[in-house]
Amino acid sequence: MLEYVTYIIKQIVESPDAVKVEESVQDFGTLYTIHVKQSDMGRVIGKEGNTIKSIRALAKAKAIKDNLRIRIDLFDPERDSE
């Protein structure tokens, strides 16, 4: 799943080398945290959040097929530094 999420994100951004996806096991399942350059945040989020919603939907469909529970978060250094 980590490779799948990373692949999707790298296809969207302008700086694929800067993409980092962290995987951590939580109580609810597995959390995937996406890190991209600040300049690529808008591309990953998309208009009205439609791109990140689509990424989550694709990952959720694969997770259901693989019998996994996942959550995908986009790391925002401004929000997470508070």
PDB file of N, CA and C in Angstrom:
ATOM      1  N   MET A   1       0.828  -1.194   0.000  1.00  0.00           N
ATOM      2  CA  MET A   1       0.000   0.000   0.000  1.00  0.00           C
ATOM      3  C   MET A   1       0.872   1.258   0.000  1.00  0.00           C
ATOM      4  N   LEU A   2       1.984   1.220   0.725  1.00  0.00           N
ATOM      5  CA  LEU A   2       2.889   2.366   0.780  1.00  0.00           C
ATOM      6  C   LEU A   2       3.385   2.731  -0.621  1.00  0.00           C
ATOM      7  N   GLU A   3       3.776   1.739  -1.386  1.00  0.00           N
ATOM      8  CA  GLU A   3       4.257   1.976  -2.746  1.00  0.00           C
ATOM      9  C   GLU A   3       3.139   2.524  -3.634  1.00  0.00           C
ATOM     10  N   TYR A   4       1.935   2.032  -3.431  1.00  0.00           N
ATOM     11  CA  TYR A   4       0.778   2.464  -4.219  1.00  0.00           C
ATOM     12  C   TYR A   4       0.482   3.943  -3.984  1.00  0.00           C
ATOM     13  N   VAL A   5       0.420   4.349  -2.724  1.00  0.00           N
ATOM     14  CA  VAL A   5       0.147   5.747  -2.380  1.00  0.00           C
ATOM     15  C   VAL A   5       1.274   6.641  -2.892  1.00  0.00           C
ATOM     16  N   THR A   6       2.514   6.206  -2.699  1.00  0.00           N
ATOM     17  CA  THR A   6       3.663   6.985  -3.165  1.00  0.00           C
ATOM     18  C   THR A   6       3.616   7.166  -4.676  1.00  0.00           C
ATOM     19  N   TYR A   7       3.299   6.111  -5.399  1.00  0.00           N
ATOM     20  CA  TYR A   7       3.218   6.183  -6.856  1.00  0.00           C
ATOM     21  C   TYR A   7       2.170   7.206  -7.304  1.00  0.00           C
ATOM     22  N   ILE A   8       0.998   7.168  -6.706  1.00  0.00           N
ATOM     23  CA  ILE A   8      -0.075   8.097  -7.080  1.00  0.00           C
ATOM     24  C   ILE A   8       0.371   9.540  -6.860  1.00  0.00           C
ATOM     25  N   ILE A   9       0.948   9.821  -5.703  1.00  0.00           N
ATOM     26  CA  ILE A   9       1.362  11.187  -5.381  1.00  0.00           C
ATOM     27  C   ILE A   9       2.455  11.657  -6.330  1.00  0.00           C
ATOM     28  N   LYS A  10       3.420  10.804  -6.629  1.00  0.00           N
ATOM     29  CA  LYS A  10       4.522  11.193  -7.515  1.00  0.00           C
ATOM     30  C   LYS A  10       4.046  11.533  -8.922  1.00  0.00           C
ATOM     31  N   GLN A  11       2.922  10.973  -9.345  1.00  0.00           N
ATOM     32  CA  GLN A  11       2.389  11.274 -10.672  1.00  0.00           C
ATOM     33  C   GLN A  11       1.741  12.655 -10.732  1.00  0.00           C
ATOM     34  N   ILE A  12       1.379  13.215  -9.589  1.00  0.00           N
ATOM     35  CA  ILE A  12       0.648  14.480  -9.525  1.00  0.00           C
ATOM     36  C   ILE A  12       1.571  15.679  -9.351  1.00  0.00           C
ATOM     37  N   VAL A  13       2.610  15.532  -8.547  1.00  0.00           N
ATOM     38  CA  VAL A  13       3.445  16.670  -8.156  1.00  0.00           C
ATOM     39  C   VAL A  13       4.475  17.034  -9.220  1.00  0.00           C
ATOM     40  N   GLU A  14       5.014  18.250  -9.094  1.00  0.00           N
ATOM     41  CA  GLU A  14       6.074  18.700  -9.997  1.00  0.00           C
ATOM     42  C   GLU A  14       7.454  18.280  -9.497  1.00  0.00           C
ATOM     43  N   SER A  15       7.573  17.971  -8.213  1.00  0.00           N
ATOM     44  CA  SER A  15       8.851  17.546  -7.616  1.00  0.00           C
ATOM     45  C   SER A  15       8.705  16.150  -7.014  1.00  0.00           C
ATOM     46  N   PRO A  16       8.678  15.111  -7.862  1.00  0.00           N
ATOM     47  CA  PRO A  16       8.460  13.754  -7.340  1.00  0.00           C
ATOM     48  C   PRO A  16       9.571  13.269  -6.411  1.00  0.00           C
ATOM     49  N   ASP A  17      10.785  13.804  -6.561  1.00  0.00           N
ATOM     50  CA  ASP A  17      11.886  13.381  -5.690  1.00  0.00           C
ATOM     51  C   ASP A  17      11.686  13.841  -4.250  1.00  0.00           C
ATOM     52  N   ALA A  18      10.869  14.870  -4.055  1.00  0.00           N
ATOM     53  CA  ALA A  18      10.634  15.406  -2.711  1.00  0.00           C
ATOM     54  C   ALA A  18       9.474  14.713  -1.997  1.00  0.00           C
ATOM     55  N   VAL A  19       8.805  13.793  -2.669  1.00  0.00           N
ATOM     56  CA  VAL A  19       7.657  13.097  -2.069  1.00  0.00           C
ATOM     57  C   VAL A  19       8.143  12.076  -1.047  1.00  0.00           C
ATOM     58  N   LYS A  20       7.507  12.112   0.114  1.00  0.00           N
ATOM     59  CA  LYS A  20       7.805  11.139   1.168  1.00  0.00           C
ATOM     60  C   LYS A  20       6.475  10.726   1.786  1.00  0.00           C
ATOM     61  N   VAL A  21       6.258   9.444   1.904  1.00  0.00           N
ATOM     62  CA  VAL A  21       5.045   8.929   2.536  1.00  0.00           C
ATOM     63  C   VAL A  21       5.470   8.087   3.735  1.00  0.00           C
ATOM     64  N   GLU A  22       4.996   8.478   4.909  1.00  0.00           N
ATOM     65  CA  GLU A  22       5.305   7.743   6.138  1.00  0.00           C
ATOM     66  C   GLU A  22       4.151   6.808   6.470  1.00  0.00           C
ATOM     67  N   GLU A  23       4.498   5.628   6.930  1.00  0.00           N
ATOM     68  CA  GLU A  23       3.510   4.620   7.306  1.00  0.00           C
ATOM     69  C   GLU A  23       3.642   4.349   8.801  1.00  0.00           C
ATOM     70  N   SER A  24       2.526   4.426   9.526  1.00  0.00           N
ATOM     71  CA  SER A  24       2.567   4.115  10.956  1.00  0.00           C
ATOM     72  C   SER A  24       1.300   3.369  11.350  1.00  0.00           C
ATOM     73  N   VAL A  25       1.463   2.395  12.214  1.00  0.00           N
ATOM     74  CA  VAL A  25       0.339   1.579  12.673  1.00  0.00           C
ATOM     75  C   VAL A  25      -0.325   2.290  13.849  1.00  0.00           C
ATOM     76  N   GLN A  26      -1.632   2.455  13.762  1.00  0.00           N
ATOM     77  CA  GLN A  26      -2.427   3.122  14.791  1.00  0.00           C
ATOM     78  C   GLN A  26      -3.488   2.136  15.300  1.00  0.00           C
ATOM     79  N   ASP A  27      -4.297   2.583  16.256  1.00  0.00           N
ATOM     80  CA  ASP A  27      -5.370   1.739  16.787  1.00  0.00           C
ATOM     81  C   ASP A  27      -6.397   1.374  15.718  1.00  0.00           C
ATOM     82  N   PHE A  28      -6.702   2.312  14.836  1.00  0.00           N
ATOM     83  CA  PHE A  28      -7.734   2.115  13.819  1.00  0.00           C
ATOM     84  C   PHE A  28      -7.237   1.350  12.609  1.00  0.00           C
ATOM     85  N   GLY A  29      -5.930   1.255  12.429  1.00  0.00           N
ATOM     86  CA  GLY A  29      -5.352   0.630  11.242  1.00  0.00           C
ATOM     87  C   GLY A  29      -4.015   1.268  10.927  1.00  0.00           C
ATOM     88  N   THR A  30      -3.774   1.538   9.661  1.00  0.00           N
ATOM     89  CA  THR A  30      -2.508   2.125   9.234  1.00  0.00           C
ATOM     90  C   THR A  30      -2.722   3.554   8.768  1.00  0.00           C
ATOM     91  N   LEU A  31      -1.852   4.441   9.226  1.00  0.00           N
ATOM     92  CA  LEU A  31      -1.893   5.847   8.842  1.00  0.00           C
ATOM     93  C   LEU A  31      -0.776   6.107   7.846  1.00  0.00           C
ATOM     94  N   TYR A  32      -1.121   6.721   6.725  1.00  0.00           N
ATOM     95  CA  TYR A  32      -0.146   7.140   5.730  1.00  0.00           C
ATOM     96  C   TYR A  32      -0.124   8.659   5.725  1.00  0.00           C
ATOM     97  N   THR A  33       1.036   9.236   6.041  1.00  0.00           N
ATOM     98  CA  THR A  33       1.189  10.684   6.065  1.00  0.00           C
ATOM     99  C   THR A  33       2.017  11.093   4.860  1.00  0.00           C
ATOM    100  N   ILE A  34       1.447  11.956   4.025  1.00  0.00           N
ATOM    101  CA  ILE A  34       2.089  12.395   2.792  1.00  0.00           C
ATOM    102  C   ILE A  34       2.827  13.702   3.040  1.00  0.00           C
ATOM    103  N   HIS A  35       4.099  13.732   2.657  1.00  0.00           N
ATOM    104  CA  HIS A  35       4.916  14.943   2.739  1.00  0.00           C
ATOM    105  C   HIS A  35       5.299  15.344   1.314  1.00  0.00           C
ATOM    106  N   VAL A  36       4.976  16.572   0.931  1.00  0.00           N
ATOM    107  CA  VAL A  36       5.372  17.111  -0.372  1.00  0.00           C
ATOM    108  C   VAL A  36       5.904  18.522  -0.165  1.00  0.00           C
ATOM    109  N   LYS A  37       6.559  19.057  -1.203  1.00  0.00           N
ATOM    110  CA  LYS A  37       7.019  20.443  -1.135  1.00  0.00           C
ATOM    111  C   LYS A  37       5.817  21.363  -0.990  1.00  0.00           C
ATOM    112  N   GLN A  38       6.036  22.492  -0.335  1.00  0.00           N
ATOM    113  CA  GLN A  38       4.961  23.470  -0.141  1.00  0.00           C
ATOM    114  C   GLN A  38       4.364  23.898  -1.485  1.00  0.00           C
ATOM    115  N   SER A  39       5.209  24.004  -2.512  1.00  0.00           N
ATOM    116  CA  SER A  39       4.730  24.425  -3.831  1.00  0.00           C
ATOM    117  C   SER A  39       3.827  23.384  -4.492  1.00  0.00           C
ATOM    118  N   ASP A  40       3.891  22.133  -4.040  1.00  0.00           N
ATOM    119  CA  ASP A  40       3.054  21.066  -4.600  1.00  0.00           C
ATOM    120  C   ASP A  40       1.786  20.809  -3.791  1.00  0.00           C
ATOM    121  N   MET A  41       1.631  21.471  -2.658  1.00  0.00           N
ATOM    122  CA  MET A  41       0.460  21.241  -1.800  1.00  0.00           C
ATOM    123  C   MET A  41      -0.847  21.482  -2.553  1.00  0.00           C
ATOM    124  N   GLY A  42      -0.916  22.564  -3.301  1.00  0.00           N
ATOM    125  CA  GLY A  42      -2.131  22.885  -4.043  1.00  0.00           C
ATOM    126  C   GLY A  42      -2.477  21.828  -5.072  1.00  0.00           C
ATOM    127  N   ARG A  43      -1.461  21.274  -5.719  1.00  0.00           N
ATOM    128  CA  ARG A  43      -1.692  20.226  -6.717  1.00  0.00           C
ATOM    129  C   ARG A  43      -2.251  18.964  -6.060  1.00  0.00           C
ATOM    130  N   VAL A  44      -1.742  18.632  -4.879  1.00  0.00           N
ATOM    131  CA  VAL A  44      -2.194  17.418  -4.188  1.00  0.00           C
ATOM    132  C   VAL A  44      -3.593  17.620  -3.602  1.00  0.00           C
ATOM    133  N   ILE A  45      -3.857  18.802  -3.066  1.00  0.00           N
ATOM    134  CA  ILE A  45      -5.177  19.070  -2.488  1.00  0.00           C
ATOM    135  C   ILE A  45      -6.218  19.224  -3.588  1.00  0.00           C
ATOM    136  N   GLY A  46      -5.907  20.000  -4.614  1.00  0.00           N
ATOM    137  CA  GLY A  46      -6.831  20.206  -5.725  1.00  0.00           C
ATOM    138  C   GLY A  46      -7.925  21.205  -5.392  1.00  0.00           C
ATOM    139  N   LYS A  47      -8.668  21.554  -6.408  1.00  0.00           N
ATOM    140  CA  LYS A  47      -9.766  22.511  -6.249  1.00  0.00           C
ATOM    141  C   LYS A  47     -10.831  21.912  -5.334  1.00  0.00           C
ATOM    142  N   GLU A  48     -11.147  22.638  -4.271  1.00  0.00           N
ATOM    143  CA  GLU A  48     -12.127  22.215  -3.261  1.00  0.00           C
ATOM    144  C   GLU A  48     -11.773  20.864  -2.630  1.00  0.00           C
ATOM    145  N   GLY A  49     -10.493  20.499  -2.662  1.00  0.00           N
ATOM    146  CA  GLY A  49     -10.050  19.248  -2.047  1.00  0.00           C
ATOM    147  C   GLY A  49     -10.358  18.008  -2.862  1.00  0.00           C
ATOM    148  N   ASN A  50     -10.737  18.189  -4.115  1.00  0.00           N
ATOM    149  CA  ASN A  50     -11.158  17.043  -4.922  1.00  0.00           C
ATOM    150  C   ASN A  50     -10.032  16.054  -5.215  1.00  0.00           C
ATOM    151  N   THR A  51      -8.805  16.543  -5.395  1.00  0.00           N
ATOM    152  CA  THR A  51      -7.704  15.629  -5.711  1.00  0.00           C
ATOM    153  C   THR A  51      -7.367  14.738  -4.520  1.00  0.00           C
ATOM    154  N   ILE A  52      -7.227  15.323  -3.340  1.00  0.00           N
ATOM    155  CA  ILE A  52      -6.908  14.506  -2.160  1.00  0.00           C
ATOM    156  C   ILE A  52      -8.067  13.560  -1.829  1.00  0.00           C
ATOM    157  N   LYS A  53      -9.293  13.982  -2.073  1.00  0.00           N
ATOM    158  CA  LYS A  53     -10.443  13.090  -1.867  1.00  0.00           C
ATOM    159  C   LYS A  53     -10.367  11.895  -2.812  1.00  0.00           C
ATOM    160  N   SER A  54      -9.966  12.146  -4.051  1.00  0.00           N
ATOM    161  CA  SER A  54      -9.837  11.065  -5.032  1.00  0.00           C
ATOM    162  C   SER A  54      -8.704  10.113  -4.665  1.00  0.00           C
ATOM    163  N   ILE A  55      -7.596  10.674  -4.191  1.00  0.00           N
ATOM    164  CA  ILE A  55      -6.473   9.840  -3.749  1.00  0.00           C
ATOM    165  C   ILE A  55      -6.926   8.936  -2.609  1.00  0.00           C
ATOM    166  N   ARG A  56      -7.653   9.509  -1.666  1.00  0.00           N
ATOM    167  CA  ARG A  56      -8.160   8.718  -0.533  1.00  0.00           C
ATOM    168  C   ARG A  56      -9.128   7.635  -1.003  1.00  0.00           C
ATOM    169  N   ALA A  57      -9.969   7.963  -1.976  1.00  0.00           N
ATOM    170  CA  ALA A  57     -10.931   6.984  -2.493  1.00  0.00           C
ATOM    171  C   ALA A  57     -10.219   5.826  -3.188  1.00  0.00           C
ATOM    172  N   LEU A  58      -9.205   6.134  -3.997  1.00  0.00           N
ATOM    173  CA  LEU A  58      -8.440   5.080  -4.669  1.00  0.00           C
ATOM    174  C   LEU A  58      -7.739   4.180  -3.653  1.00  0.00           C
ATOM    175  N   ALA A  59      -7.106   4.800  -2.671  1.00  0.00           N
ATOM    176  CA  ALA A  59      -6.389   4.026  -1.651  1.00  0.00           C
ATOM    177  C   ALA A  59      -7.356   3.193  -0.820  1.00  0.00           C
ATOM    178  N   LYS A  60      -8.516   3.762  -0.510  1.00  0.00           N
ATOM    179  CA  LYS A  60      -9.507   3.026   0.278  1.00  0.00           C
ATOM    180  C   LYS A  60     -10.033   1.820  -0.501  1.00  0.00           C
ATOM    181  N   ALA A  61     -10.248   1.990  -1.804  1.00  0.00           N
ATOM    182  CA  ALA A  61     -10.719   0.876  -2.629  1.00  0.00           C
ATOM    183  C   ALA A  61      -9.702  -0.264  -2.630  1.00  0.00           C
ATOM    184  N   LYS A  62      -8.421   0.081  -2.769  1.00  0.00           N
ATOM    185  CA  LYS A  62      -7.381  -0.950  -2.732  1.00  0.00           C
ATOM    186  C   LYS A  62      -7.286  -1.571  -1.341  1.00  0.00           C
ATOM    187  N   ALA A  63      -7.431  -0.756  -0.299  1.00  0.00           N
ATOM    188  CA  ALA A  63      -7.365  -1.268   1.071  1.00  0.00           C
ATOM    189  C   ALA A  63      -8.494  -2.253   1.348  1.00  0.00           C
ATOM    190  N   ILE A  64      -9.689  -1.939   0.883  1.00  0.00           N
ATOM    191  CA  ILE A  64     -10.830  -2.846   1.066  1.00  0.00           C
ATOM    192  C   ILE A  64     -10.561  -4.167   0.362  1.00  0.00           C
ATOM    193  N   LYS A  65     -10.025  -4.083  -0.855  1.00  0.00           N
ATOM    194  CA  LYS A  65      -9.704  -5.289  -1.610  1.00  0.00           C
ATOM    195  C   LYS A  65      -8.662  -6.134  -0.870  1.00  0.00           C
ATOM    196  N   ASP A  66      -7.702  -5.450  -0.223  1.00  0.00           N
ATOM    197  CA  ASP A  66      -6.632  -6.140   0.505  1.00  0.00           C
ATOM    198  C   ASP A  66      -6.989  -6.412   1.968  1.00  0.00           C
ATOM    199  N   ASN A  67      -8.245  -6.098   2.349  1.00  0.00           N
ATOM    200  CA  ASN A  67      -8.734  -6.310   3.715  1.00  0.00           C
ATOM    201  C   ASN A  67      -7.905  -5.534   4.752  1.00  0.00           C
ATOM    202  N   LEU A  68      -7.672  -4.249   4.458  1.00  0.00           N
ATOM    203  CA  LEU A  68      -6.907  -3.375   5.342  1.00  0.00           C
ATOM    204  C   LEU A  68      -7.759  -2.194   5.775  1.00  0.00           C
ATOM    205  N   ARG A  69      -7.360  -1.565   6.881  1.00  0.00           N
ATOM    206  CA  ARG A  69      -7.989  -0.318   7.334  1.00  0.00           C
ATOM    207  C   ARG A  69      -6.911   0.755   7.287  1.00  0.00           C
ATOM    208  N   ILE A  70      -7.192   1.825   6.554  1.00  0.00           N
ATOM    209  CA  ILE A  70      -6.179   2.871   6.385  1.00  0.00           C
ATOM    210  C   ILE A  70      -6.779   4.258   6.568  1.00  0.00           C
ATOM    211  N   ARG A  71      -5.880   5.221   6.748  1.00  0.00           N
ATOM    212  CA  ARG A  71      -6.242   6.634   6.709  1.00  0.00           C
ATOM    213  C   ARG A  71      -5.082   7.365   6.055  1.00  0.00           C
ATOM    214  N   ILE A  72      -5.402   8.357   5.224  1.00  0.00           N
ATOM    215  CA  ILE A  72      -4.376   9.138   4.544  1.00  0.00           C
ATOM    216  C   ILE A  72      -4.487  10.583   4.987  1.00  0.00           C
ATOM    217  N   ASP A  73      -3.361  11.126   5.470  1.00  0.00           N
ATOM    218  CA  ASP A  73      -3.287  12.527   5.872  1.00  0.00           C
ATOM    219  C   ASP A  73      -2.215  13.220   5.051  1.00  0.00           C
ATOM    220  N   LEU A  74      -2.431  14.495   4.798  1.00  0.00           N
ATOM    221  CA  LEU A  74      -1.453  15.324   4.109  1.00  0.00           C
ATOM    222  C   LEU A  74      -0.777  16.193   5.152  1.00  0.00           C
ATOM    223  N   PHE A  75       0.541  16.062   5.290  1.00  0.00           N
ATOM    224  CA  PHE A  75       1.284  16.818   6.294  1.00  0.00           C
ATOM    225  C   PHE A  75       1.315  18.290   5.908  1.00  0.00           C
ATOM    226  N   ASP A  76       0.880  19.130   6.833  1.00  0.00           N
ATOM    227  CA  ASP A  76       0.899  20.581   6.643  1.00  0.00           C
ATOM    228  C   ASP A  76       1.791  21.168   7.726  1.00  0.00           C
ATOM    229  N   PRO A  77       3.006  21.601   7.372  1.00  0.00           N
ATOM    230  CA  PRO A  77       3.932  22.090   8.397  1.00  0.00           C
ATOM    231  C   PRO A  77       3.403  23.298   9.167  1.00  0.00           C
ATOM    232  N   GLU A  78       2.594  24.122   8.542  1.00  0.00           N
ATOM    233  CA  GLU A  78       2.037  25.291   9.228  1.00  0.00           C
ATOM    234  C   GLU A  78       1.035  24.868  10.296  1.00  0.00           C
ATOM    235  N   ARG A  79       0.168  23.926   9.977  1.00  0.00           N
ATOM    236  CA  ARG A  79      -0.839  23.457  10.924  1.00  0.00           C
ATOM    237  C   ARG A  79      -0.217  22.591  12.012  1.00  0.00           C
ATOM    238  N   ASP A  80       0.706  21.713  11.626  1.00  0.00           N
ATOM    239  CA  ASP A  80       1.262  20.746  12.562  1.00  0.00           C
ATOM    240  C   ASP A  80       2.340  21.320  13.475  1.00  0.00           C
ATOM    241  N   SER A  81       2.812  22.532  13.221  1.00  0.00           N
ATOM    242  CA  SER A  81       3.836  23.128  14.080  1.00  0.00           C
ATOM    243  C   SER A  81       3.231  23.842  15.281  1.00  0.00           C
ATOM    244  N   GLU A  82       1.912  24.020  15.286  1.00  0.00           N
ATOM    245  CA  GLU A  82       1.251  24.732  16.382  1.00  0.00           C
ATOM    246  C   GLU A  82       1.072  23.860  17.596  1.00  0.00           C
TER     247      GLU A  82
END
